Amino acid sequence: MLKEISLKTSNRTELIDITSQVESFLREAGVESGIIVIYTRHTTAGVTINEDADPSVRKDIDKFLRELIPVDWGFSHAEGNSDAHLKSTLVGASETVIIDGSKLLLGRWQGIYFCEFDGPRSRTVYLKIMPE
């Protein structure tokens, strides 16, 4: 079971909550137990799981990554997006979540985020369910 989620980002960097889209696919699939992989094949984006109760956490993650890896650091990559490649490497391209009782086994405050580091762009996230 594979699904594509299409996203249009509107800023150079942003974290987009895709938890509800992942949950919707899980409901459609009707899988009670297994795992789901959330993956993006973009080299300047990522996927992460973190707190979704307080939006300031997303802002803090974005701010920290921008300060840790500034756009104008002096990279040799000619396209001007080396910072985005490094941020993608740090965050990672995928997350795996356990499915139990037809629900994502996320913590009370956890959400799933697509991380844009080189926007605005059109992006794709892939969801793959592997039933038990």
C-alpha atoms as a PDB file:
ATOM      1  CA  MET A   1       0.000   0.000   0.000  1.00  0.00           C
ATOM      2  CA  LEU A   2       1.620   3.167  -1.254  1.00  0.00           C
ATOM      3  CA  LYS A   3       0.296   6.707  -1.308  1.00  0.00           C
ATOM      4  CA  GLU A   4       1.767   9.989  -2.490  1.00  0.00           C
ATOM      5  CA  ILE A   5       1.070  13.253  -0.688  1.00  0.00           C
ATOM      6  CA  SER A   6       1.650  16.360  -2.792  1.00  0.00           C
ATOM      7  CA  LEU A   7       2.670  19.535  -0.986  1.00  0.00           C
ATOM      8  CA  LYS A   8       3.279  23.100  -2.087  1.00  0.00           C
ATOM      9  CA  THR A   9       5.564  24.925   0.285  1.00  0.00           C
ATOM     10  CA  SER A  10       5.479  28.692   0.518  1.00  0.00           C
ATOM     11  CA  ASN A  11       8.701  29.608   2.346  1.00  0.00           C
ATOM     12  CA  ARG A  12      12.399  28.778   2.069  1.00  0.00           C
ATOM     13  CA  THR A  13      12.172  26.828   5.330  1.00  0.00           C
ATOM     14  CA  GLU A  14       9.061  25.501   7.050  1.00  0.00           C
ATOM     15  CA  LEU A  15       7.771  22.510   8.950  1.00  0.00           C
ATOM     16  CA  ILE A  16       4.385  21.294   7.716  1.00  0.00           C
ATOM     17  CA  ASP A  17       2.267  19.037   9.924  1.00  0.00           C
ATOM     18  CA  ILE A  18       1.198  16.045   7.797  1.00  0.00           C
ATOM     19  CA  THR A  19      -0.071  13.881  10.672  1.00  0.00           C
ATOM     20  CA  SER A  20      -3.730  14.100   9.626  1.00  0.00           C
ATOM     21  CA  GLN A  21      -2.903  13.054   6.054  1.00  0.00           C
ATOM     22  CA  VAL A  22      -0.962  10.032   7.340  1.00  0.00           C
ATOM     23  CA  GLU A  23      -3.837   9.105   9.669  1.00  0.00           C
ATOM     24  CA  SER A  24      -6.340   9.472   6.822  1.00  0.00           C
ATOM     25  CA  PHE A  25      -4.363   7.055   4.639  1.00  0.00           C
ATOM     26  CA  LEU A  26      -4.188   4.591   7.521  1.00  0.00           C
ATOM     27  CA  ARG A  27      -7.991   4.741   7.930  1.00  0.00           C
ATOM     28  CA  GLU A  28      -8.479   4.223   4.180  1.00  0.00           C
ATOM     29  CA  ALA A  29      -6.122   1.241   4.215  1.00  0.00           C
ATOM     30  CA  GLY A  30      -7.918  -0.404   7.139  1.00  0.00           C
ATOM     31  CA  VAL A  31      -4.706  -1.878   8.538  1.00  0.00           C
ATOM     32  CA  GLU A  32      -4.864  -2.833  12.201  1.00  0.00           C
ATOM     33  CA  SER A  33      -1.226  -3.689  12.865  1.00  0.00           C
ATOM     34  CA  GLY A  34       2.111  -3.126  11.147  1.00  0.00           C
ATOM     35  CA  ILE A  35       4.324  -0.173  10.314  1.00  0.00           C
ATOM     36  CA  ILE A  36       4.108   2.868   8.103  1.00  0.00           C
ATOM     37  CA  VAL A  37       7.087   4.578   6.531  1.00  0.00           C
ATOM     38  CA  ILE A  38       6.866   8.293   5.759  1.00  0.00           C
ATOM     39  CA  TYR A  39       9.535   9.154   3.182  1.00  0.00           C
ATOM     40  CA  THR A  40      10.586  11.989   0.920  1.00  0.00           C
ATOM     41  CA  ARG A  41      13.116  11.567  -1.852  1.00  0.00           C
ATOM     42  CA  HIS A  42      14.055  15.243  -2.023  1.00  0.00           C
ATOM     43  CA  THR A  43      17.669  16.039  -1.119  1.00  0.00           C
ATOM     44  CA  THR A  44      16.784  19.431   0.356  1.00  0.00           C
ATOM     45  CA  ALA A  45      13.864  18.351   2.536  1.00  0.00           C
ATOM     46  CA  GLY A  46      13.185  15.936   5.360  1.00  0.00           C
ATOM     47  CA  VAL A  47      10.658  14.211   7.595  1.00  0.00           C
ATOM     48  CA  THR A  48      10.643  14.323  11.381  1.00  0.00           C
ATOM     49  CA  ILE A  49       8.455  13.573  14.386  1.00  0.00           C
ATOM     50  CA  ASN A  50       8.231  16.122  17.162  1.00  0.00           C
ATOM     51  CA  GLU A  51       5.836  18.026  19.398  1.00  0.00           C
ATOM     52  CA  ASP A  52       2.655  19.239  17.742  1.00  0.00           C
ATOM     53  CA  ALA A  53       0.920  20.856  20.748  1.00  0.00           C
ATOM     54  CA  ASP A  54       2.921  24.091  20.768  1.00  0.00           C
ATOM     55  CA  PRO A  55       3.688  25.737  17.392  1.00  0.00           C
ATOM     56  CA  SER A  56       6.688  27.499  18.900  1.00  0.00           C
ATOM     57  CA  VAL A  57       8.556  24.161  18.863  1.00  0.00           C
ATOM     58  CA  ARG A  58       8.461  24.200  15.028  1.00  0.00           C
ATOM     59  CA  LYS A  59       9.691  27.789  15.039  1.00  0.00           C
ATOM     60  CA  ASP A  60      12.517  26.871  17.424  1.00  0.00           C
ATOM     61  CA  ILE A  61      13.604  23.905  15.286  1.00  0.00           C
ATOM     62  CA  ASP A  62      13.592  26.075  12.170  1.00  0.00           C
ATOM     63  CA  LYS A  63      15.477  28.907  13.884  1.00  0.00           C
ATOM     64  CA  PHE A  64      18.087  26.567  15.373  1.00  0.00           C
ATOM     65  CA  LEU A  65      18.773  24.855  12.032  1.00  0.00           C
ATOM     66  CA  ARG A  66      19.043  28.226  10.254  1.00  0.00           C
ATOM     67  CA  GLU A  67      21.560  29.429  12.855  1.00  0.00           C
ATOM     68  CA  LEU A  68      23.467  26.129  12.926  1.00  0.00           C
ATOM     69  CA  ILE A  69      23.774  26.005   9.125  1.00  0.00           C
ATOM     70  CA  PRO A  70      23.476  29.510   7.629  1.00  0.00           C
ATOM     71  CA  VAL A  71      22.686  29.991   3.933  1.00  0.00           C
ATOM     72  CA  ASP A  72      25.740  32.221   3.448  1.00  0.00           C
ATOM     73  CA  TRP A  73      28.339  30.036   5.187  1.00  0.00           C
ATOM     74  CA  GLY A  74      30.542  29.938   2.073  1.00  0.00           C
ATOM     75  CA  PHE A  75      29.680  26.586   0.560  1.00  0.00           C
ATOM     76  CA  SER A  76      31.214  25.535  -2.765  1.00  0.00           C
ATOM     77  CA  HIS A  77      28.018  24.002  -4.225  1.00  0.00           C
ATOM     78  CA  ALA A  78      27.049  26.381  -7.042  1.00  0.00           C
ATOM     79  CA  GLU A  79      23.263  26.179  -6.666  1.00  0.00           C
ATOM     80  CA  GLY A  80      23.242  28.133  -3.404  1.00  0.00           C
ATOM     81  CA  ASN A  81      21.310  25.519  -1.436  1.00  0.00           C
ATOM     82  CA  SER A  82      24.069  23.599   0.345  1.00  0.00           C
ATOM     83  CA  ASP A  83      22.564  24.628   3.672  1.00  0.00           C
ATOM     84  CA  ALA A  84      19.370  22.823   2.649  1.00  0.00           C
ATOM     85  CA  HIS A  85      21.292  19.655   1.751  1.00  0.00           C
ATOM     86  CA  LEU A  86      22.999  19.646   5.160  1.00  0.00           C
ATOM     87  CA  LYS A  87      19.732  20.285   7.034  1.00  0.00           C
ATOM     88  CA  SER A  88      18.146  17.421   5.116  1.00  0.00           C
ATOM     89  CA  THR A  89      21.038  15.176   6.110  1.00  0.00           C
ATOM     90  CA  LEU A  90      20.636  16.082   9.789  1.00  0.00           C
ATOM     91  CA  VAL A  91      16.848  15.644   9.873  1.00  0.00           C
ATOM     92  CA  GLY A  92      16.695  12.615   7.602  1.00  0.00           C
ATOM     93  CA  ALA A  93      14.453  11.621   4.722  1.00  0.00           C
ATOM     94  CA  SER A  94      12.088   9.269   6.563  1.00  0.00           C
ATOM     95  CA  GLU A  95      10.359   8.171   9.731  1.00  0.00           C
ATOM     96  CA  THR A  96       8.810   4.824  10.622  1.00  0.00           C
ATOM     97  CA  VAL A  97       5.778   4.601  12.903  1.00  0.00           C
ATOM     98  CA  ILE A  98       4.222   1.499  14.451  1.00  0.00           C
ATOM     99  CA  ILE A  99       0.541   0.854  13.705  1.00  0.00           C
ATOM    100  CA  ASP A 100      -1.394  -0.734  16.564  1.00  0.00           C
ATOM    101  CA  GLY A 101      -5.158  -1.002  16.886  1.00  0.00           C
ATOM    102  CA  SER A 102      -5.547   0.809  13.540  1.00  0.00           C
ATOM    103  CA  LYS A 103      -3.802   3.877  14.983  1.00  0.00           C
ATOM    104  CA  LEU A 104      -0.384   5.450  14.709  1.00  0.00           C
ATOM    105  CA  LEU A 105       1.581   4.698  17.862  1.00  0.00           C
ATOM    106  CA  LEU A 106       2.605   8.319  18.396  1.00  0.00           C
ATOM    107  CA  GLY A 107       3.162   9.930  21.763  1.00  0.00           C
ATOM    108  CA  ARG A 108       0.539  12.265  23.186  1.00  0.00           C
ATOM    109  CA  TRP A 109       2.305  15.390  21.911  1.00  0.00           C
ATOM    110  CA  GLN A 110       3.892  13.995  18.738  1.00  0.00           C
ATOM    111  CA  GLY A 111       3.149  14.998  15.172  1.00  0.00           C
ATOM    112  CA  ILE A 112       4.705  14.120  11.822  1.00  0.00           C
ATOM    113  CA  TYR A 113       6.325  16.966   9.897  1.00  0.00           C
ATOM    114  CA  PHE A 114       7.528  17.500   6.372  1.00  0.00           C
ATOM    115  CA  CYS A 115      10.545  19.811   6.591  1.00  0.00           C
ATOM    116  CA  GLU A 116      11.176  22.201   3.718  1.00  0.00           C
ATOM    117  CA  PHE A 117      14.687  23.635   3.549  1.00  0.00           C
ATOM    118  CA  ASP A 118      14.829  24.977  -0.040  1.00  0.00           C
ATOM    119  CA  GLY A 119      11.401  26.355  -0.865  1.00  0.00           C
ATOM    120  CA  PRO A 120       9.056  27.401  -2.027  1.00  0.00           C
ATOM    121  CA  ARG A 121       8.604  24.248  -4.076  1.00  0.00           C
ATOM    122  CA  SER A 122       6.228  21.464  -5.041  1.00  0.00           C
ATOM    123  CA  ARG A 123       7.103  18.389  -2.989  1.00  0.00           C
ATOM    124  CA  THR A 124       6.051  14.761  -2.604  1.00  0.00           C
ATOM    125  CA  VAL A 125       5.922  12.589   0.485  1.00  0.00           C
ATOM    126  CA  TYR A 126       5.431   8.845   0.147  1.00  0.00           C
ATOM    127  CA  LEU A 127       3.543   6.716   2.637  1.00  0.00           C
ATOM    128  CA  LYS A 128       4.104   2.959   2.640  1.00  0.00           C
ATOM    129  CA  ILE A 129       2.132   0.682   4.940  1.00  0.00           C
ATOM    130  CA  MET A 130       3.483  -2.767   5.716  1.00  0.00           C
ATOM    131  CA  PRO A 131       0.762  -4.761   7.478  1.00  0.00           C
ATOM    132  CA  GLU A 132       1.706  -7.320  10.083  1.00  0.00           C
END
